[in-house]
PDB file of all heavy atoms in Angstrom:
ATOM      1  N   SER A   1      67.272 -23.485  14.578  1.00  0.00           N
ATOM      2  CA  SER A   1      67.722 -24.067  13.309  1.00  0.00           C
ATOM      3  C   SER A   1      66.510 -24.596  12.556  1.00  0.00           C
ATOM      4  O   SER A   1      65.441 -24.731  13.073  1.00  0.00           O
ATOM      5  CB  SER A   1      68.736 -25.199  13.529  1.00  0.00           C
ATOM      6  OG  SER A   1      68.146 -26.270  14.284  1.00  0.00           O
ATOM      7  N   GLY A   2      66.749 -24.920  11.271  1.00  0.00           N
ATOM      8  CA  GLY A   2      65.708 -25.378  10.396  1.00  0.00           C
ATOM      9  C   GLY A   2      65.507 -24.461   9.237  1.00  0.00           C
ATOM     10  O   GLY A   2      66.292 -23.568   8.988  1.00  0.00           O
ATOM     11  N   SER A   3      64.373 -24.646   8.561  1.00  0.00           N
ATOM     12  CA  SER A   3      64.028 -23.802   7.410  1.00  0.00           C
ATOM     13  C   SER A   3      63.367 -22.538   7.941  1.00  0.00           C
ATOM     14  O   SER A   3      62.162 -22.511   8.168  1.00  0.00           O
ATOM     15  CB  SER A   3      63.105 -24.559   6.452  1.00  0.00           C
ATOM     16  OG  SER A   3      62.811 -23.789   5.353  1.00  0.00           O
ATOM     17  N   ILE A   4      64.153 -21.526   8.130  1.00  0.00           N
ATOM     18  CA  ILE A   4      63.699 -20.250   8.712  1.00  0.00           C
ATOM     19  C   ILE A   4      63.918 -19.104   7.733  1.00  0.00           C
ATOM     20  O   ILE A   4      65.028 -18.888   7.284  1.00  0.00           O
ATOM     21  CB  ILE A   4      64.420 -19.967  10.022  1.00  0.00           C
ATOM     22  CG1 ILE A   4      64.228 -21.096  11.055  1.00  0.00           C
ATOM     23  CG2 ILE A   4      63.953 -18.616  10.632  1.00  0.00           C
ATOM     24  CD1 ILE A   4      65.046 -20.933  12.272  1.00  0.00           C
ATOM     25  N   PHE A   5      62.852 -18.431   7.458  1.00  0.00           N
ATOM     26  CA  PHE A   5      62.936 -17.210   6.613  1.00  0.00           C
ATOM     27  C   PHE A   5      63.329 -16.007   7.489  1.00  0.00           C
ATOM     28  O   PHE A   5      64.220 -15.229   7.100  1.00  0.00           O
ATOM     29  CB  PHE A   5      61.677 -16.951   5.857  1.00  0.00           C
ATOM     30  CG  PHE A   5      61.673 -15.687   5.107  1.00  0.00           C
ATOM     31  CD1 PHE A   5      62.455 -15.527   3.985  1.00  0.00           C
ATOM     32  CD2 PHE A   5      60.904 -14.581   5.535  1.00  0.00           C
ATOM     33  CE1 PHE A   5      62.486 -14.317   3.294  1.00  0.00           C
ATOM     34  CE2 PHE A   5      60.916 -13.381   4.862  1.00  0.00           C
ATOM     35  CZ  PHE A   5      61.705 -13.233   3.754  1.00  0.00           C
ATOM     36  N   SER A   6      62.632 -15.834   8.597  1.00  0.00           N
ATOM     37  CA  SER A   6      62.949 -14.707   9.471  1.00  0.00           C
ATOM     38  C   SER A   6      62.451 -15.017  10.859  1.00  0.00           C
ATOM     39  O   SER A   6      61.590 -15.833  11.086  1.00  0.00           O
ATOM     40  CB  SER A   6      62.297 -13.428   8.960  1.00  0.00           C
ATOM     41  OG  SER A   6      60.890 -13.477   9.068  1.00  0.00           O
ATOM     42  N   ILE A   7      63.027 -14.310  11.828  1.00  0.00           N
ATOM     43  CA  ILE A   7      62.651 -14.400  13.208  1.00  0.00           C
ATOM     44  C   ILE A   7      62.382 -12.998  13.710  1.00  0.00           C
ATOM     45  O   ILE A   7      63.214 -12.124  13.571  1.00  0.00           O
ATOM     46  CB  ILE A   7      63.716 -15.091  14.038  1.00  0.00           C
ATOM     47  CG1 ILE A   7      63.970 -16.526  13.600  1.00  0.00           C
ATOM     48  CG2 ILE A   7      63.332 -15.081  15.564  1.00  0.00           C
ATOM     49  CD1 ILE A   7      65.075 -17.240  14.351  1.00  0.00           C
ATOM     50  N   ASN A   8      61.236 -12.811  14.359  1.00  0.00           N
ATOM     51  CA  ASN A   8      60.949 -11.553  14.977  1.00  0.00           C
ATOM     52  C   ASN A   8      61.406 -11.605  16.451  1.00  0.00           C
ATOM     53  O   ASN A   8      62.600 -11.649  16.724  1.00  0.00           O
ATOM     54  CB  ASN A   8      59.485 -11.187  14.859  1.00  0.00           C
ATOM     55  CG  ASN A   8      59.144 -10.712  13.449  1.00  0.00           C
ATOM     56  OD1 ASN A   8      60.010 -10.403  12.650  1.00  0.00           O
ATOM     57  ND2 ASN A   8      57.850 -10.751  13.094  1.00  0.00           N
ATOM     58  N   ALA A   9      60.477 -11.616  17.383  1.00  0.00           N
ATOM     59  CA  ALA A   9      60.861 -11.627  18.794  1.00  0.00           C
ATOM     60  C   ALA A   9      61.430 -12.964  19.205  1.00  0.00           C
ATOM     61  O   ALA A   9      61.017 -14.003  18.697  1.00  0.00           O
ATOM     62  CB  ALA A   9      59.662 -11.275  19.649  1.00  0.00           C
ATOM     63  N   MET A  10      62.352 -12.924  20.148  1.00  0.00           N
ATOM     64  CA  MET A  10      62.854 -14.132  20.803  1.00  0.00           C
ATOM     65  C   MET A  10      62.857 -13.808  22.287  1.00  0.00           C
ATOM     66  O   MET A  10      62.902 -12.669  22.737  1.00  0.00           O
ATOM     67  CB  MET A  10      64.284 -14.457  20.347  1.00  0.00           C
ATOM     68  CG  MET A  10      64.427 -14.653  18.877  1.00  0.00           C
ATOM     69  SD  MET A  10      66.105 -15.135  18.391  1.00  0.00           S
ATOM     70  CE  MET A  10      66.087 -16.897  18.825  1.00  0.00           C
ATOM     71  N   GLY A  11      62.765 -14.860  23.110  1.00  0.00           N
ATOM     72  CA  GLY A  11      62.757 -14.583  24.548  1.00  0.00           C
ATOM     73  C   GLY A  11      62.847 -15.833  25.372  1.00  0.00           C
ATOM     74  O   GLY A  11      63.104 -16.945  24.850  1.00  0.00           O
ATOM     75  N   TRP A  12      62.563 -15.643  26.648  1.00  0.00           N
ATOM     76  CA  TRP A  12      62.652 -16.714  27.624  1.00  0.00           C
ATOM     77  C   TRP A  12      61.459 -16.707  28.571  1.00  0.00           C
ATOM     78  O   TRP A  12      61.066 -15.641  29.061  1.00  0.00           O
ATOM     79  CB  TRP A  12      63.951 -16.575  28.466  1.00  0.00           C
ATOM     80  CG  TRP A  12      65.207 -16.715  27.661  1.00  0.00           C
ATOM     81  CD1 TRP A  12      65.878 -15.724  27.026  1.00  0.00           C
ATOM     82  CD2 TRP A  12      65.941 -17.916  27.463  1.00  0.00           C
ATOM     83  NE1 TRP A  12      66.986 -16.239  26.407  1.00  0.00           N
ATOM     84  CE2 TRP A  12      67.041 -17.566  26.665  1.00  0.00           C
ATOM     85  CE3 TRP A  12      65.789 -19.240  27.883  1.00  0.00           C
ATOM     86  CZ2 TRP A  12      68.016 -18.502  26.292  1.00  0.00           C
ATOM     87  CZ3 TRP A  12      66.719 -20.169  27.489  1.00  0.00           C
ATOM     88  CH2 TRP A  12      67.813 -19.815  26.703  1.00  0.00           C
ATOM     89  N   PHE A  13      60.899 -17.855  28.792  1.00  0.00           N
ATOM     90  CA  PHE A  13      59.941 -18.101  29.852  1.00  0.00           C
ATOM     91  C   PHE A  13      60.582 -18.995  30.895  1.00  0.00           C
ATOM     92  O   PHE A  13      61.593 -19.657  30.622  1.00  0.00           O
ATOM     93  CB  PHE A  13      58.665 -18.791  29.303  1.00  0.00           C
ATOM     94  CG  PHE A  13      57.677 -17.924  28.643  1.00  0.00           C
ATOM     95  CD1 PHE A  13      57.854 -17.505  27.334  1.00  0.00           C
ATOM     96  CD2 PHE A  13      56.605 -17.420  29.321  1.00  0.00           C
ATOM     97  CE1 PHE A  13      56.893 -16.703  26.692  1.00  0.00           C
ATOM     98  CE2 PHE A  13      55.637 -16.626  28.720  1.00  0.00           C
ATOM     99  CZ  PHE A  13      55.811 -16.256  27.391  1.00  0.00           C
ATOM    100  N   ARG A  14      59.988 -19.001  32.065  1.00  0.00           N
ATOM    101  CA  ARG A  14      60.415 -19.990  33.057  1.00  0.00           C
ATOM    102  C   ARG A  14      59.204 -20.497  33.833  1.00  0.00           C
ATOM    103  O   ARG A  14      58.171 -19.821  33.932  1.00  0.00           O
ATOM    104  CB  ARG A  14      61.426 -19.408  34.024  1.00  0.00           C
ATOM    105  CG  ARG A  14      60.899 -18.307  34.951  1.00  0.00           C
ATOM    106  CD  ARG A  14      62.002 -17.692  35.788  1.00  0.00           C
ATOM    107  NE  ARG A  14      61.514 -16.649  36.669  1.00  0.00           N
ATOM    108  CZ  ARG A  14      62.316 -15.900  37.447  1.00  0.00           C
ATOM    109  NH1 ARG A  14      63.623 -16.075  37.406  1.00  0.00           N
ATOM    110  NH2 ARG A  14      61.793 -14.988  38.232  1.00  0.00           N
ATOM    111  N   GLN A  15      59.329 -21.676  34.374  1.00  0.00           N
ATOM    112  CA  GLN A  15      58.274 -22.266  35.196  1.00  0.00           C
ATOM    113  C   GLN A  15      58.879 -23.065  36.328  1.00  0.00           C
ATOM    114  O   GLN A  15      59.677 -23.939  36.125  1.00  0.00           O
ATOM    115  CB  GLN A  15      57.378 -23.179  34.346  1.00  0.00           C
ATOM    116  CG  GLN A  15      56.127 -23.644  35.118  1.00  0.00           C
ATOM    117  CD  GLN A  15      55.091 -24.175  34.203  1.00  0.00           C
ATOM    118  OE1 GLN A  15      55.356 -24.664  33.091  1.00  0.00           O
ATOM    119  NE2 GLN A  15      53.847 -24.102  34.633  1.00  0.00           N
ATOM    120  N   ALA A  16      58.499 -22.713  37.551  1.00  0.00           N
ATOM    121  CA  ALA A  16      58.945 -23.367  38.737  1.00  0.00           C
ATOM    122  C   ALA A  16      57.801 -24.238  39.250  1.00  0.00           C
ATOM    123  O   ALA A  16      56.644 -23.978  38.995  1.00  0.00           O
ATOM    124  CB  ALA A  16      59.344 -22.364  39.823  1.00  0.00           C
ATOM    125  N   PRO A  17      58.154 -25.300  39.993  1.00  0.00           N
ATOM    126  CA  PRO A  17      57.100 -26.151  40.569  1.00  0.00           C
ATOM    127  C   PRO A  17      56.114 -25.349  41.402  1.00  0.00           C
ATOM    128  O   PRO A  17      56.501 -24.557  42.250  1.00  0.00           O
ATOM    129  CB  PRO A  17      57.895 -27.133  41.443  1.00  0.00           C
ATOM    130  CG  PRO A  17      59.244 -27.183  40.806  1.00  0.00           C
ATOM    131  CD  PRO A  17      59.479 -25.796  40.339  1.00  0.00           C
ATOM    132  N   GLY A  18      54.848 -25.547  41.140  1.00  0.00           N
ATOM    133  CA  GLY A  18      53.807 -24.838  41.852  1.00  0.00           C
ATOM    134  C   GLY A  18      53.532 -23.431  41.438  1.00  0.00           C
ATOM    135  O   GLY A  18      52.683 -22.763  42.012  1.00  0.00           O
ATOM    136  N   LYS A  19      54.249 -22.952  40.411  1.00  0.00           N
ATOM    137  CA  LYS A  19      54.070 -21.606  39.887  1.00  0.00           C
ATOM    138  C   LYS A  19      53.595 -21.635  38.453  1.00  0.00           C
ATOM    139  O   LYS A  19      53.805 -22.620  37.727  1.00  0.00           O
ATOM    140  CB  LYS A  19      55.320 -20.804  39.999  1.00  0.00           C
ATOM    141  CG  LYS A  19      55.737 -20.368  41.380  1.00  0.00           C
ATOM    142  CD  LYS A  19      56.910 -19.383  41.317  1.00  0.00           C
ATOM    143  CE  LYS A  19      57.229 -18.785  42.657  1.00  0.00           C
ATOM    144  NZ  LYS A  19      58.358 -17.816  42.591  1.00  0.00           N
ATOM    145  N   GLU A  20      52.951 -20.561  38.070  1.00  0.00           N
ATOM    146  CA  GLU A  20      52.568 -20.412  36.658  1.00  0.00           C
ATOM    147  C   GLU A  20      53.771 -20.021  35.821  1.00  0.00           C
ATOM    148  O   GLU A  20      54.774 -19.502  36.291  1.00  0.00           O
ATOM    149  CB  GLU A  20      51.483 -19.337  36.510  1.00  0.00           C
ATOM    150  CG  GLU A  20      50.163 -19.683  37.155  1.00  0.00           C
ATOM    151  CD  GLU A  20      49.071 -18.658  36.882  1.00  0.00           C
ATOM    152  OE1 GLU A  20      49.403 -17.610  36.298  1.00  0.00           O
ATOM    153  OE2 GLU A  20      47.927 -18.926  37.203  1.00  0.00           O
ATOM    154  N   ARG A  21      53.653 -20.343  34.552  1.00  0.00           N
ATOM    155  CA  ARG A  21      54.702 -19.938  33.617  1.00  0.00           C
ATOM    156  C   ARG A  21      54.842 -18.433  33.582  1.00  0.00           C
ATOM    157  O   ARG A  21      53.833 -17.705  33.532  1.00  0.00           O
ATOM    158  CB  ARG A  21      54.356 -20.490  32.231  1.00  0.00           C
ATOM    159  CG  ARG A  21      55.375 -20.285  31.137  1.00  0.00           C
ATOM    160  CD  ARG A  21      54.979 -21.084  29.916  1.00  0.00           C
ATOM    161  NE  ARG A  21      53.595 -20.844  29.561  1.00  0.00           N
ATOM    162  CZ  ARG A  21      52.839 -21.704  28.887  1.00  0.00           C
ATOM    163  NH1 ARG A  21      53.354 -22.867  28.493  1.00  0.00           N
ATOM    164  NH2 ARG A  21      51.569 -21.428  28.615  1.00  0.00           N
ATOM    165  N   GLU A  22      56.060 -17.958  33.596  1.00  0.00           N
ATOM    166  CA  GLU A  22      56.357 -16.509  33.678  1.00  0.00           C
ATOM    167  C   GLU A  22      57.253 -16.101  32.541  1.00  0.00           C
ATOM    168  O   GLU A  22      58.248 -16.739  32.251  1.00  0.00           O
ATOM    169  CB  GLU A  22      57.056 -16.205  35.028  1.00  0.00           C
ATOM    170  CG  GLU A  22      57.452 -14.766  35.172  1.00  0.00           C
ATOM    171  CD  GLU A  22      58.272 -14.522  36.443  1.00  0.00           C
ATOM    172  OE1 GLU A  22      58.922 -15.504  36.902  1.00  0.00           O
ATOM    173  OE2 GLU A  22      58.258 -13.394  36.963  1.00  0.00           O
ATOM    174  N   LEU A  23      56.872 -15.004  31.885  1.00  0.00           N
ATOM    175  CA  LEU A  23      57.711 -14.449  30.864  1.00  0.00           C
ATOM    176  C   LEU A  23      58.845 -13.664  31.536  1.00  0.00           C
ATOM    177  O   LEU A  23      58.632 -12.784  32.340  1.00  0.00           O
ATOM    178  CB  LEU A  23      56.916 -13.460  29.961  1.00  0.00           C
ATOM    179  CG  LEU A  23      57.702 -12.788  28.844  1.00  0.00           C
ATOM    180  CD1 LEU A  23      58.268 -13.795  27.873  1.00  0.00           C
ATOM    181  CD2 LEU A  23      56.783 -11.804  28.119  1.00  0.00           C
ATOM    182  N   VAL A  24      60.073 -14.064  31.229  1.00  0.00           N
ATOM    183  CA  VAL A  24      61.246 -13.497  31.863  1.00  0.00           C
ATOM    184  C   VAL A  24      61.814 -12.330  31.096  1.00  0.00           C
ATOM    185  O   VAL A  24      62.061 -11.259  31.676  1.00  0.00           O
ATOM    186  CB  VAL A  24      62.352 -14.579  32.034  1.00  0.00           C
ATOM    187  CG1 VAL A  24      63.628 -13.985  32.654  1.00  0.00           C
ATOM    188  CG2 VAL A  24      61.841 -15.734  32.895  1.00  0.00           C
ATOM    189  N   ALA A  25      62.023 -12.488  29.817  1.00  0.00           N
ATOM    190  CA  ALA A  25      62.625 -11.450  28.978  1.00  0.00           C
ATOM    191  C   ALA A  25      62.285 -11.676  27.535  1.00  0.00           C
ATOM    192  O   ALA A  25      62.121 -12.788  27.077  1.00  0.00           O
ATOM    193  CB  ALA A  25      64.137 -11.428  29.177  1.00  0.00           C
ATOM    194  N   VAL A  26      62.195 -10.579  26.805  1.00  0.00           N
ATOM    195  CA  VAL A  26      61.903 -10.590  25.366  1.00  0.00           C
ATOM    196  C   VAL A  26      62.856  -9.651  24.657  1.00  0.00           C
ATOM    197  O   VAL A  26      63.142  -8.551  25.203  1.00  0.00           O
ATOM    198  CB  VAL A  26      60.436 -10.188  25.075  1.00  0.00           C
ATOM    199  CG1 VAL A  26      60.187 -10.230  23.562  1.00  0.00           C
ATOM    200  CG2 VAL A  26      59.460 -11.109  25.794  1.00  0.00           C
ATOM    201  N   ILE A  27      63.282  -9.979  23.469  1.00  0.00           N
ATOM    202  CA  ILE A  27      64.073  -9.082  22.649  1.00  0.00           C
ATOM    203  C   ILE A  27      63.567  -9.092  21.255  1.00  0.00           C
ATOM    204  O   ILE A  27      63.348 -10.149  20.669  1.00  0.00           O
ATOM    205  CB  ILE A  27      65.620  -9.464  22.735  1.00  0.00           C
ATOM    206  CG1 ILE A  27      66.429  -8.457  21.968  1.00  0.00           C
ATOM    207  CG2 ILE A  27      65.834 -10.898  22.256  1.00  0.00           C
ATOM    208  CD1 ILE A  27      67.923  -8.606  22.235  1.00  0.00           C
ATOM    209  N   SER A  28      63.378  -7.926  20.671  1.00  0.00           N
ATOM    210  CA  SER A  28      62.898  -7.835  19.290  1.00  0.00           C
ATOM    211  C   SER A  28      64.073  -8.039  18.337  1.00  0.00           C
ATOM    212  O   SER A  28      65.218  -8.083  18.699  1.00  0.00           O
ATOM    213  CB  SER A  28      62.277  -6.437  19.081  1.00  0.00           C
ATOM    214  OG  SER A  28      63.267  -5.442  19.046  1.00  0.00           O
ATOM    215  N   LYS A  29      63.711  -8.118  17.057  1.00  0.00           N
ATOM    216  CA  LYS A  29      64.763  -8.312  16.039  1.00  0.00           C
ATOM    217  C   LYS A  29      65.709  -7.135  16.023  1.00  0.00           C
ATOM    218  O   LYS A  29      66.920  -7.311  15.767  1.00  0.00           O
ATOM    219  CB  LYS A  29      64.103  -8.489  14.654  1.00  0.00           C
ATOM    220  CG  LYS A  29      65.055  -8.854  13.535  1.00  0.00           C
ATOM    221  CD  LYS A  29      64.375  -9.100  12.263  1.00  0.00           C
ATOM    222  CE  LYS A  29      65.313  -9.530  11.156  1.00  0.00           C
ATOM    223  NZ  LYS A  29      64.644  -9.884   9.914  1.00  0.00           N
ATOM    224  N   GLY A  30      65.216  -5.940  16.316  1.00  0.00           N
ATOM    225  CA  GLY A  30      66.044  -4.776  16.355  1.00  0.00           C
ATOM    226  C   GLY A  30      66.794  -4.537  17.645  1.00  0.00           C
ATOM    227  O   GLY A  30      67.564  -3.612  17.720  1.00  0.00           O
ATOM    228  N   GLY A  31      66.540  -5.356  18.657  1.00  0.00           N
ATOM    229  CA  GLY A  31      67.306  -5.272  19.894  1.00  0.00           C
ATOM    230  C   GLY A  31      66.589  -4.658  21.049  1.00  0.00           C
ATOM    231  O   GLY A  31      67.179  -4.520  22.137  1.00  0.00           O
ATOM    232  N   SER A  32      65.312  -4.223  20.902  1.00  0.00           N
ATOM    233  CA  SER A  32      64.561  -3.703  22.034  1.00  0.00           C
ATOM    234  C   SER A  32      64.258  -4.795  23.024  1.00  0.00           C
ATOM    235  O   SER A  32      63.903  -5.908  22.618  1.00  0.00           O
ATOM    236  CB  SER A  32      63.269  -3.032  21.557  1.00  0.00           C
ATOM    237  OG  SER A  32      63.550  -1.935  20.705  1.00  0.00           O
ATOM    238  N   THR A  33      64.314  -4.499  24.298  1.00  0.00           N
ATOM    239  CA  THR A  33      64.133  -5.528  25.326  1.00  0.00           C
ATOM    240  C   THR A  33      63.075  -5.161  26.339  1.00  0.00           C
ATOM    241  O   THR A  33      62.816  -3.982  26.573  1.00  0.00           O
ATOM    242  CB  THR A  33      65.480  -5.790  26.074  1.00  0.00           C
ATOM    243  OG1 THR A  33      65.912  -4.574  26.671  1.00  0.00           O
ATOM    244  CG2 THR A  33      66.523  -6.293  25.095  1.00  0.00           C
ATOM    245  N   ASN A  34      62.508  -6.194  26.941  1.00  0.00           N
ATOM    246  CA  ASN A  34      61.607  -6.047  28.048  1.00  0.00           C
ATOM    247  C   ASN A  34      61.874  -7.150  29.052  1.00  0.00           C
ATOM    248  O   ASN A  34      62.196  -8.310  28.663  1.00  0.00           O
ATOM    249  CB  ASN A  34      60.134  -6.092  27.638  1.00  0.00           C
ATOM    250  CG  ASN A  34      59.701  -4.795  26.943  1.00  0.00           C
ATOM    251  OD1 ASN A  34      59.538  -3.785  27.586  1.00  0.00           O
ATOM    252  ND2 ASN A  34      59.518  -4.903  25.629  1.00  0.00           N
ATOM    253  N   TYR A  35      61.739  -6.848  30.351  1.00  0.00           N
ATOM    254  CA  TYR A  35      62.059  -7.802  31.399  1.00  0.00           C
ATOM    255  C   TYR A  35      60.942  -7.827  32.420  1.00  0.00           C
ATOM    256  O   TYR A  35      60.257  -6.863  32.671  1.00  0.00           O
ATOM    257  CB  TYR A  35      63.350  -7.433  32.137  1.00  0.00           C
ATOM    258  CG  TYR A  35      64.570  -7.417  31.254  1.00  0.00           C
ATOM    259  CD1 TYR A  35      64.977  -6.242  30.634  1.00  0.00           C
ATOM    260  CD2 TYR A  35      65.361  -8.545  31.129  1.00  0.00           C
ATOM    261  CE1 TYR A  35      66.114  -6.250  29.863  1.00  0.00           C
ATOM    262  CE2 TYR A  35      66.477  -8.533  30.341  1.00  0.00           C
ATOM    263  CZ  TYR A  35      66.878  -7.376  29.706  1.00  0.00           C
ATOM    264  OH  TYR A  35      68.010  -7.346  28.950  1.00  0.00           O
ATOM    265  N   ALA A  36      60.816  -9.028  33.011  1.00  0.00           N
ATOM    266  CA  ALA A  36      59.935  -9.123  34.190  1.00  0.00           C
ATOM    267  C   ALA A  36      60.536  -8.309  35.310  1.00  0.00           C
ATOM    268  O   ALA A  36      61.734  -8.205  35.456  1.00  0.00           O
ATOM    269  CB  ALA A  36      59.788 -10.600  34.607  1.00  0.00           C
ATOM    270  N   ASP A  37      59.650  -7.733  36.129  1.00  0.00           N
ATOM    271  CA  ASP A  37      60.156  -6.915  37.259  1.00  0.00           C
ATOM    272  C   ASP A  37      61.039  -7.698  38.196  1.00  0.00           C
ATOM    273  O   ASP A  37      62.007  -7.136  38.749  1.00  0.00           O
ATOM    274  CB  ASP A  37      58.964  -6.351  38.042  1.00  0.00           C
ATOM    275  CG  ASP A  37      58.220  -5.276  37.291  1.00  0.00           C
ATOM    276  OD1 ASP A  37      58.786  -4.704  36.351  1.00  0.00           O
ATOM    277  OD2 ASP A  37      57.065  -5.017  37.673  1.00  0.00           O
ATOM    278  N   SER A  38      60.822  -8.990  38.320  1.00  0.00           N
ATOM    279  CA  SER A  38      61.589  -9.774  39.250  1.00  0.00           C
ATOM    280  C   SER A  38      63.052  -9.989  38.820  1.00  0.00           C
ATOM    281  O   SER A  38      63.875 -10.369  39.653  1.00  0.00           O
ATOM    282  CB  SER A  38      60.923 -11.127  39.450  1.00  0.00           C
ATOM    283  OG  SER A  38      60.813 -11.829  38.208  1.00  0.00           O
ATOM    284  N   VAL A  39      63.376  -9.752  37.562  1.00  0.00           N
ATOM    285  CA  VAL A  39      64.728  -9.963  37.058  1.00  0.00           C
ATOM    286  C   VAL A  39      65.435  -8.696  36.594  1.00  0.00           C
ATOM    287  O   VAL A  39      66.596  -8.778  36.250  1.00  0.00           O
ATOM    288  CB  VAL A  39      64.761 -11.036  35.970  1.00  0.00           C
ATOM    289  CG1 VAL A  39      64.070 -12.303  36.443  1.00  0.00           C
ATOM    290  CG2 VAL A  39      64.131 -10.495  34.664  1.00  0.00           C
ATOM    291  N   LYS A  40      64.714  -7.577  36.605  1.00  0.00           N
ATOM    292  CA  LYS A  40      65.328  -6.342  36.114  1.00  0.00           C
ATOM    293  C   LYS A  40      66.584  -5.989  36.936  1.00  0.00           C
ATOM    294  O   LYS A  40      66.590  -6.066  38.160  1.00  0.00           O
ATOM    295  CB  LYS A  40      64.328  -5.185  36.204  1.00  0.00           C
ATOM    296  CG  LYS A  40      63.241  -5.217  35.140  1.00  0.00           C
ATOM    297  CD  LYS A  40      62.331  -4.063  35.234  1.00  0.00           C
ATOM    298  CE  LYS A  40      61.278  -4.038  34.149  1.00  0.00           C
ATOM    299  NZ  LYS A  40      60.311  -2.948  34.299  1.00  0.00           N
ATOM    300  N   GLY A  41      67.616  -5.599  36.241  1.00  0.00           N
ATOM    301  CA  GLY A  41      68.863  -5.290  36.902  1.00  0.00           C
ATOM    302  C   GLY A  41      69.779  -6.436  37.126  1.00  0.00           C
ATOM    303  O   GLY A  41      70.935  -6.237  37.501  1.00  0.00           O
ATOM    304  N   ARG A  42      69.257  -7.651  36.968  1.00  0.00           N
ATOM    305  CA  ARG A  42      70.089  -8.866  37.184  1.00  0.00           C
ATOM    306  C   ARG A  42      70.288  -9.686  35.938  1.00  0.00           C
ATOM    307  O   ARG A  42      71.321 -10.294  35.735  1.00  0.00           O
ATOM    308  CB  ARG A  42      69.415  -9.741  38.253  1.00  0.00           C
ATOM    309  CG  ARG A  42      69.268  -9.038  39.623  1.00  0.00           C
ATOM    310  CD  ARG A  42      68.775 -10.012  40.693  1.00  0.00           C
ATOM    311  NE  ARG A  42      67.468 -10.542  40.390  1.00  0.00           N
ATOM    312  CZ  ARG A  42      67.214 -11.825  40.222  1.00  0.00           C
ATOM    313  NH1 ARG A  42      68.168 -12.731  40.298  1.00  0.00           N
ATOM    314  NH2 ARG A  42      65.979 -12.239  39.935  1.00  0.00           N
TER     315      ARG A  42
END
């Protein structure tokens, strides 16, 4: 929310204790997606 003209990619990161931040999934404005290998299929 807020004063937004446009949004391109959106996605999710996660971080567990003792682990580095990990990119989980990304989706483009047009709907193309990419996933971390650890979550593919789930």
